[in-house]
Amino acid sequence: MIIRRCIALLVACSVFVGSLFNCGAEATVPSLSAKSAVLINTVTGTIIGGKNEHERRSIASVTKIMTALLLLEAGNLDLPFVVDALAIKIGGTSMGLREGDIVTRRALLYGILLPSGNDAASAAAVSVSGSEKLFVKLMNKRAAELGLENTHFANPHGLDEEGHYSSAYDLALLTVAAMKNADFREIVSAKTATLKYGNPPYTRKLKNNNKLLSLYDGAVGVKTGFTDDARRTLVGAAERDGVRLIAVTLNAPDDWEDQRKMFDYGFEVVKPREVWFDTRDIFAKSADGKTNVPVSLTEPIILPLAESEMPYIAYQYKLKSFLYAGYKKGDYAGTVTVTFKGKPLHSVNLVAAVDDTTPIKKKTFLEKLFGYTS
């Protein structure tokens, strides 16, 4: 009977949860419409929940996360140039580019990430690499660098094409990398944008297709997608109390509701938690080598973690060679780094916990004159 109950529990947990999920009753596990999905803690990279998260699937316009990342990494965002006439002739969603239009890469970023302009993505590819073909090579090179093992790009916009695919997990990793860029974060969190482009440039207003920004409290991005093959795809990001989660749903008829449930679940599981670093047996050395100086942290260590992640937290600390005589409480003494499965997460300074109370011996006239001590 006990064995049967355990099997039933494991089956219930497998509805949404990935291999790293702790089946403790931290929150109610949601059921999803998505064929593939994943939810990750962006600080640790842990899969908080997953459903066929490594399965290769068509991904539609969430492809443009990689296109935008490479455009950002190319730099020169505010330098005006004329768009490539052939690149902008692609069909589908558009930011309204026409032959001869003068744009900046920054304007293309908004066109790529808000209205999901295929014309903007193709123009960006030519701007960065000289041709779409060369840009696709760059996309796949960057994917390999990021460790995206189930990803291959065939174009910069995401229209259905043979050999163009990714997985929910790979898209989450890609988004974690993209969200490290401040410009990317600013753009994907914007509900609208007012830009100037054209020939001559004139003011336009673009609207973000990502309804998650209005539907979910704490949503800060990221990208929608749809094609006949991929169906509805969505990469979402949300933040609360210092916790940032990334959710990916692929082929999800009810993606807005899927992501709402995933984030609600995630914020129940991942919370700001204080991790305790015991300094009671750690001492810095005084300059004369005779005194063990107690140390303390400059601030509590609080990290967004699931309860199941806590056992993987460890610490590495490094102390100064010594503290000069006359040190004061609060003087820098070293650093402690918090790690998760060996990966550095956060560093906090160690400081002297007390003042130096050692009496300072006054030098004699001869000691001052000749520089020796008795």
Protein backbone atom coordinates (compact mmCIF):
# COMPACT_ATOMS: atom_id res chain seq x y z
CA MET A 1 0.00 0.00 0.00
CA ILE A 2 2.84 2.39 0.89
CA ILE A 3 4.58 1.63 -2.41
CA ARG A 4 1.36 2.35 -4.34
CA ARG A 5 0.95 5.69 -2.57
CA CYS A 6 4.53 6.66 -3.39
CA ILE A 7 4.00 5.80 -7.06
CA ALA A 8 0.81 7.86 -7.13
CA LEU A 9 2.67 10.82 -5.60
CA LEU A 10 5.42 10.60 -8.21
CA VAL A 11 2.86 10.47 -11.03
CA ALA A 12 1.08 13.53 -9.64
CA CYS A 13 4.34 15.43 -9.40
CA SER A 14 5.23 14.57 -13.01
CA VAL A 15 2.29 16.60 -14.38
CA PHE A 16 4.39 19.74 -14.40
CA VAL A 17 7.53 19.22 -12.39
CA GLY A 18 11.01 18.75 -13.82
CA SER A 19 13.73 16.46 -12.57
CA LEU A 20 14.97 18.89 -9.93
CA PHE A 21 11.59 19.52 -8.30
CA ASN A 22 11.28 18.71 -4.61
CA CYS A 23 7.97 16.93 -4.13
CA GLY A 24 7.50 18.48 -0.71
CA ALA A 25 4.20 20.32 -0.32
CA GLU A 26 5.61 23.80 -0.97
CA ALA A 27 2.85 24.73 -3.43
CA THR A 28 0.14 23.24 -5.59
CA VAL A 29 1.59 21.86 -8.83
CA PRO A 30 -0.30 23.34 -11.81
CA SER A 31 -1.56 21.52 -14.89
CA LEU A 32 -0.83 23.23 -18.23
CA SER A 33 -2.16 23.43 -21.76
CA ALA A 34 1.38 23.73 -23.16
CA LYS A 35 3.03 20.80 -24.92
CA SER A 36 6.37 21.91 -23.46
CA ALA A 37 7.08 24.25 -20.58
CA VAL A 38 9.68 25.20 -18.02
CA LEU A 39 10.03 27.55 -15.06
CA ILE A 40 13.48 28.47 -13.76
CA ASN A 41 15.02 30.46 -10.94
CA THR A 42 17.26 32.89 -12.81
CA VAL A 43 19.76 33.23 -9.95
CA THR A 44 20.59 29.54 -9.64
CA GLY A 45 19.40 28.28 -13.03
CA THR A 46 17.41 25.56 -11.28
CA ILE A 47 14.38 24.10 -13.02
CA ILE A 48 11.54 24.79 -10.60
CA GLY A 49 9.10 22.94 -12.82
CA GLY A 50 9.08 21.48 -16.30
CA LYS A 51 7.04 19.56 -18.83
CA ASN A 52 8.92 18.08 -21.79
CA GLU A 53 11.34 20.94 -21.23
CA HIS A 54 14.14 19.46 -23.35
CA GLU A 55 11.92 18.48 -26.28
CA ARG A 56 12.81 20.13 -29.60
CA ARG A 57 9.94 22.17 -31.02
CA SER A 58 9.20 24.97 -33.48
CA ILE A 59 9.42 28.24 -31.57
CA ALA A 60 8.06 31.03 -33.82
CA SER A 61 8.98 34.61 -32.90
CA VAL A 62 10.57 33.90 -29.52
CA THR A 63 13.49 33.29 -31.90
CA LYS A 64 13.86 37.06 -31.84
CA ILE A 65 15.27 36.97 -28.30
CA MET A 66 18.51 35.69 -29.84
CA THR A 67 18.29 38.20 -32.70
CA ALA A 68 17.91 41.05 -30.22
CA LEU A 69 20.74 39.78 -28.02
CA LEU A 70 23.16 39.68 -30.95
CA LEU A 71 22.06 43.13 -32.08
CA LEU A 72 22.71 44.48 -28.58
CA GLU A 73 26.12 42.80 -28.46
CA ALA A 74 27.01 44.37 -31.82
CA GLY A 75 26.74 47.84 -30.24
CA ASN A 76 26.43 51.23 -32.03
CA LEU A 77 22.75 51.26 -31.11
CA ASP A 78 22.10 54.91 -31.92
CA LEU A 79 23.95 55.25 -35.23
CA PRO A 80 21.45 55.97 -38.07
CA PHE A 81 21.64 53.91 -41.26
CA VAL A 82 19.48 52.99 -44.25
CA VAL A 83 17.75 49.62 -43.99
CA ASP A 84 18.55 46.93 -46.52
CA ALA A 85 15.87 47.06 -49.21
CA LEU A 86 15.63 43.27 -49.68
CA ALA A 87 15.69 42.37 -45.99
CA ILE A 88 12.53 44.30 -45.19
CA LYS A 89 10.43 42.64 -47.90
CA ILE A 90 9.73 39.61 -45.71
CA GLY A 91 6.08 38.96 -44.89
CA GLY A 92 4.28 38.58 -41.59
CA THR A 93 4.40 40.89 -38.59
CA SER A 94 6.10 44.21 -39.22
CA MET A 95 7.27 47.45 -37.65
CA GLY A 96 6.41 49.19 -40.93
CA LEU A 97 9.82 49.57 -42.56
CA ARG A 98 9.99 50.72 -46.17
CA GLU A 99 12.76 50.94 -48.73
CA GLY A 100 15.07 53.86 -47.99
CA ASP A 101 14.00 54.21 -44.35
CA ILE A 102 16.58 55.58 -41.96
CA VAL A 103 16.67 53.71 -38.62
CA THR A 104 18.95 52.97 -35.71
CA ARG A 105 19.68 49.57 -34.22
CA ARG A 106 17.88 50.73 -31.10
CA ALA A 107 14.73 51.38 -33.13
CA LEU A 108 15.08 47.91 -34.66
CA LEU A 109 15.30 46.41 -31.18
CA TYR A 110 11.95 47.93 -30.27
CA GLY A 111 10.56 46.79 -33.62
CA ILE A 112 11.82 43.26 -33.00
CA LEU A 113 10.67 42.89 -29.40
CA LEU A 114 7.38 44.86 -29.24
CA PRO A 115 5.35 44.31 -32.45
CA SER A 116 7.61 41.34 -33.35
CA GLY A 117 8.60 42.82 -36.70
CA ASN A 118 9.98 40.26 -39.12
CA ASP A 119 11.20 43.19 -41.20
CA ALA A 120 13.10 44.52 -38.17
CA ALA A 121 14.69 41.11 -37.48
CA SER A 122 15.87 40.70 -41.08
CA ALA A 123 17.16 44.28 -41.23
CA ALA A 124 19.04 43.68 -37.97
CA ALA A 125 20.63 40.52 -39.37
CA VAL A 126 21.97 42.37 -42.42
CA SER A 127 23.10 45.30 -40.27
CA VAL A 128 25.16 43.05 -37.98
CA SER A 129 26.53 40.40 -40.35
CA GLY A 130 26.06 41.73 -43.88
CA SER A 131 23.62 38.97 -44.79
CA GLU A 132 20.94 36.87 -43.15
CA LYS A 133 22.91 33.69 -43.88
CA LEU A 134 25.98 34.92 -42.00
CA PHE A 135 23.82 36.17 -39.15
CA VAL A 136 22.23 32.73 -38.75
CA LYS A 137 25.73 31.28 -38.38
CA LEU A 138 26.35 33.82 -35.63
CA MET A 139 23.07 32.83 -33.95
CA ASN A 140 24.10 29.17 -33.85
CA LYS A 141 27.59 30.03 -32.64
CA ARG A 142 26.14 32.05 -29.78
CA ALA A 143 23.69 29.25 -28.99
CA ALA A 144 26.59 26.83 -28.63
CA GLU A 145 28.43 29.29 -26.34
CA LEU A 146 25.37 29.48 -24.11
CA GLY A 147 25.11 25.69 -23.92
CA LEU A 148 21.82 25.44 -25.83
CA GLU A 149 22.02 21.77 -26.71
CA ASN A 150 18.60 21.41 -28.33
CA THR A 151 18.61 24.57 -30.43
CA HIS A 152 19.30 25.29 -34.07
CA PHE A 153 18.39 28.46 -35.94
CA ALA A 154 17.63 28.74 -39.65
CA ASN A 155 16.51 32.39 -39.71
CA PRO A 156 16.46 35.49 -37.47
CA HIS A 157 12.68 35.96 -37.29
CA GLY A 158 11.18 32.57 -36.44
CA LEU A 159 8.99 31.84 -39.45
CA ASP A 160 8.55 28.08 -39.89
CA GLU A 161 11.55 26.54 -41.63
CA GLU A 162 13.19 23.13 -41.59
CA GLY A 163 16.01 22.96 -39.08
CA HIS A 164 14.67 25.82 -36.97
CA TYR A 165 13.90 24.67 -33.42
CA SER A 166 14.65 24.98 -29.74
CA SER A 167 13.41 23.67 -26.40
CA ALA A 168 11.65 25.33 -23.50
CA TYR A 169 14.74 24.92 -21.32
CA ASP A 170 17.14 26.30 -23.94
CA LEU A 171 14.90 29.34 -24.43
CA ALA A 172 14.93 29.92 -20.68
CA LEU A 173 18.74 29.83 -20.63
CA LEU A 174 18.86 32.22 -23.60
CA THR A 175 16.50 34.61 -21.82
CA VAL A 176 18.56 34.55 -18.63
CA ALA A 177 21.55 35.70 -20.72
CA ALA A 178 19.52 38.38 -22.52
CA MET A 179 18.02 39.72 -19.27
CA LYS A 180 21.51 40.52 -18.01
CA ASN A 181 21.54 43.37 -20.56
CA ALA A 182 19.95 46.55 -19.19
CA ASP A 183 18.76 47.73 -22.61
CA PHE A 184 17.06 44.39 -23.24
CA ARG A 185 15.30 44.53 -19.85
CA GLU A 186 14.11 48.06 -20.50
CA ILE A 187 12.74 47.26 -23.97
CA VAL A 188 10.91 44.02 -23.16
CA SER A 189 9.21 45.61 -20.14
CA ALA A 190 7.83 48.53 -22.20
CA LYS A 191 4.14 48.33 -23.08
CA THR A 192 4.58 50.99 -25.78
CA ALA A 193 7.43 52.95 -27.34
CA THR A 194 7.63 56.21 -29.26
CA LEU A 195 10.35 56.17 -31.92
CA LYS A 196 11.51 58.05 -34.98
CA TYR A 197 12.35 56.26 -38.23
CA GLY A 198 11.48 56.63 -41.90
CA ASN A 199 12.72 58.80 -44.77
CA PRO A 200 12.89 61.36 -43.38
CA PRO A 201 12.42 59.91 -39.86
CA TYR A 202 9.13 60.77 -38.19
CA THR A 203 7.47 59.82 -34.92
CA ARG A 204 5.86 56.38 -34.63
CA LYS A 205 4.28 54.57 -31.70
CA LEU A 206 4.79 50.82 -31.30
CA LYS A 207 2.73 48.58 -29.04
CA ASN A 208 4.01 45.50 -27.25
CA ASN A 209 2.20 42.26 -28.16
CA ASN A 210 3.01 40.80 -24.74
CA LYS A 211 -0.25 41.03 -22.78
CA LEU A 212 1.47 39.39 -19.81
CA LEU A 213 2.80 42.84 -18.88
CA SER A 214 -0.76 43.93 -18.11
CA LEU A 215 -2.21 40.61 -17.01
CA TYR A 216 0.31 39.60 -14.34
CA ASP A 217 1.54 41.64 -11.39
CA GLY A 218 5.33 41.72 -11.54
CA ALA A 219 5.66 40.75 -15.21
CA VAL A 220 8.71 42.37 -16.84
CA GLY A 221 8.84 40.69 -20.27
CA VAL A 222 9.66 38.98 -22.56
CA LYS A 223 8.39 37.78 -25.99
CA THR A 224 5.39 36.27 -27.77
CA GLY A 225 5.25 34.12 -30.90
CA PHE A 226 2.90 32.30 -33.25
CA THR A 227 3.16 30.32 -36.47
CA ASP A 228 1.02 27.56 -37.93
CA ASP A 229 3.61 24.95 -36.98
CA ALA A 230 4.74 26.27 -33.60
CA ARG A 231 1.30 27.53 -32.53
CA ARG A 232 1.35 29.89 -29.52
CA THR A 233 4.77 30.35 -27.91
CA LEU A 234 5.58 32.62 -25.00
CA VAL A 235 8.62 33.48 -22.91
CA GLY A 236 7.72 35.39 -19.77
CA ALA A 237 9.67 36.99 -16.95
CA ALA A 238 8.33 38.18 -13.62
CA GLU A 239 9.87 39.68 -10.49
CA ARG A 240 8.68 39.93 -6.90
CA ASP A 241 10.63 40.74 -3.72
CA GLY A 242 13.97 40.27 -5.43
CA VAL A 243 12.97 36.94 -7.02
CA ARG A 244 13.11 36.76 -10.81
CA LEU A 245 11.61 33.80 -12.63
CA ILE A 246 11.56 32.88 -16.32
CA ALA A 247 8.66 30.85 -17.72
CA VAL A 248 8.51 29.33 -21.21
CA THR A 249 5.46 27.74 -22.82
CA LEU A 250 5.53 26.16 -26.29
CA ASN A 251 2.45 25.13 -28.27
CA ALA A 252 0.20 26.41 -25.50
CA PRO A 253 -3.44 27.13 -26.46
CA ASP A 254 -3.95 28.91 -23.12
CA ASP A 255 -0.51 30.44 -22.67
CA TRP A 256 -1.52 33.51 -20.63
CA GLU A 257 -3.25 31.30 -18.05
CA ASP A 258 -0.42 28.75 -18.16
CA GLN A 259 2.12 31.40 -17.32
CA ARG A 260 -0.03 32.95 -14.61
CA LYS A 261 -0.26 29.57 -12.89
CA MET A 262 3.46 28.90 -13.38
CA PHE A 263 4.49 32.22 -11.84
CA ASP A 264 2.04 31.88 -8.95
CA TYR A 265 3.50 28.46 -8.29
CA GLY A 266 7.07 29.71 -8.65
CA PHE A 267 6.68 32.59 -6.21
CA GLU A 268 5.28 30.17 -3.64
CA VAL A 269 8.32 27.92 -4.03
CA VAL A 270 11.14 30.45 -4.57
CA LYS A 271 11.37 33.08 -1.84
CA PRO A 272 13.99 35.47 -0.45
CA ARG A 273 15.75 33.33 2.16
CA GLU A 274 18.50 34.26 4.56
CA VAL A 275 21.44 31.88 4.31
CA TRP A 276 23.49 31.62 7.47
CA PHE A 277 27.27 31.96 7.32
CA ASP A 278 28.85 31.22 10.71
CA THR A 279 31.74 33.58 11.42
CA ARG A 280 32.30 32.45 15.00
CA ASP A 281 35.33 30.31 14.14
CA ILE A 282 36.79 32.68 11.54
CA PHE A 283 39.51 35.13 12.59
CA ALA A 284 41.70 37.62 10.79
CA LYS A 285 45.28 38.11 11.93
CA SER A 286 46.70 41.28 13.42
CA ALA A 287 49.88 42.75 11.94
CA ASP A 288 52.04 41.38 14.77
CA GLY A 289 50.57 37.92 14.26
CA LYS A 290 49.67 37.64 17.92
CA THR A 291 45.97 38.47 17.84
CA ASN A 292 43.05 36.59 16.32
CA VAL A 293 40.57 39.25 15.24
CA PRO A 294 36.90 38.17 15.15
CA VAL A 295 35.05 39.11 11.97
CA SER A 296 31.42 39.68 10.96
CA LEU A 297 29.36 40.17 7.81
CA THR A 298 28.54 43.68 6.61
CA GLU A 299 24.96 42.59 5.82
CA PRO A 300 22.72 39.51 5.99
CA ILE A 301 22.95 37.17 3.00
CA ILE A 302 19.48 36.93 1.46
CA LEU A 303 19.02 35.04 -1.80
CA PRO A 304 16.01 33.91 -3.87
CA LEU A 305 15.93 30.17 -3.29
CA ALA A 306 13.57 27.24 -3.13
CA GLU A 307 13.69 25.19 0.05
CA SER A 308 14.98 22.28 -2.04
CA GLU A 309 17.96 24.40 -3.17
CA MET A 310 19.19 25.22 0.34
CA PRO A 311 21.27 22.02 0.79
CA TYR A 312 23.39 23.00 -2.24
CA ILE A 313 24.48 26.32 -0.75
CA ALA A 314 28.15 26.53 0.26
CA TYR A 315 30.65 29.26 1.08
CA GLN A 316 34.16 30.28 0.18
CA TYR A 317 35.94 32.98 2.14
CA LYS A 318 39.22 34.81 1.82
CA LEU A 319 40.82 37.00 4.50
CA LYS A 320 43.38 39.78 4.23
CA SER A 321 46.91 38.75 5.13
CA PHE A 322 46.67 40.87 8.28
CA LEU A 323 45.02 43.93 9.80
CA TYR A 324 47.24 46.89 10.66
CA ALA A 325 47.57 47.93 14.28
CA GLY A 326 44.86 50.35 15.30
CA TYR A 327 42.17 48.64 13.21
CA LYS A 328 38.61 49.66 13.96
CA LYS A 329 35.36 47.73 14.10
CA GLY A 330 33.99 47.66 10.54
CA ASP A 331 37.39 47.77 8.79
CA TYR A 332 37.55 45.50 5.74
CA ALA A 333 38.94 42.06 6.59
CA GLY A 334 37.99 39.86 3.64
CA THR A 335 35.17 38.48 1.50
CA VAL A 336 32.79 35.55 1.65
CA THR A 337 31.26 34.18 -1.57
CA VAL A 338 28.07 32.13 -1.55
CA THR A 339 28.02 29.30 -4.09
CA PHE A 340 25.28 27.03 -5.43
CA LYS A 341 26.57 23.70 -6.68
CA GLY A 342 29.97 25.36 -7.04
CA LYS A 343 28.64 28.35 -8.99
CA PRO A 344 29.31 31.76 -7.35
CA LEU A 345 26.05 33.57 -6.57
CA HIS A 346 26.79 36.47 -4.25
CA SER A 347 29.66 38.06 -2.32
CA VAL A 348 29.61 39.96 0.98
CA ASN A 349 32.49 41.70 2.76
CA LEU A 350 33.88 40.50 6.07
CA VAL A 351 34.90 43.21 8.53
CA ALA A 352 36.62 43.41 11.90
CA ALA A 353 34.03 42.84 14.62
CA VAL A 354 35.99 44.71 17.30
CA ASP A 355 38.41 47.61 17.71
CA ASP A 356 42.11 47.01 18.27
CA THR A 357 42.59 47.46 22.04
CA THR A 358 46.29 46.57 22.09
CA PRO A 359 48.21 49.40 23.81
CA ILE A 360 50.46 51.23 21.38
CA LYS A 361 53.99 51.44 22.81
CA LYS A 362 55.61 54.81 22.38
CA LYS A 363 58.98 54.79 20.59
CA THR A 364 62.06 56.03 22.40
CA PHE A 365 64.24 58.77 20.96
CA LEU A 366 66.79 56.19 19.71
CA GLU A 367 64.05 54.04 18.12
CA LYS A 368 62.75 57.05 16.26
CA LEU A 369 66.27 58.09 15.27
CA PHE A 370 67.58 54.73 14.10
CA GLY A 371 64.32 52.97 13.28
CA TYR A 372 64.78 49.97 15.54
CA THR A 373 62.65 48.57 18.37
CA SER A 374 63.72 47.02 21.62
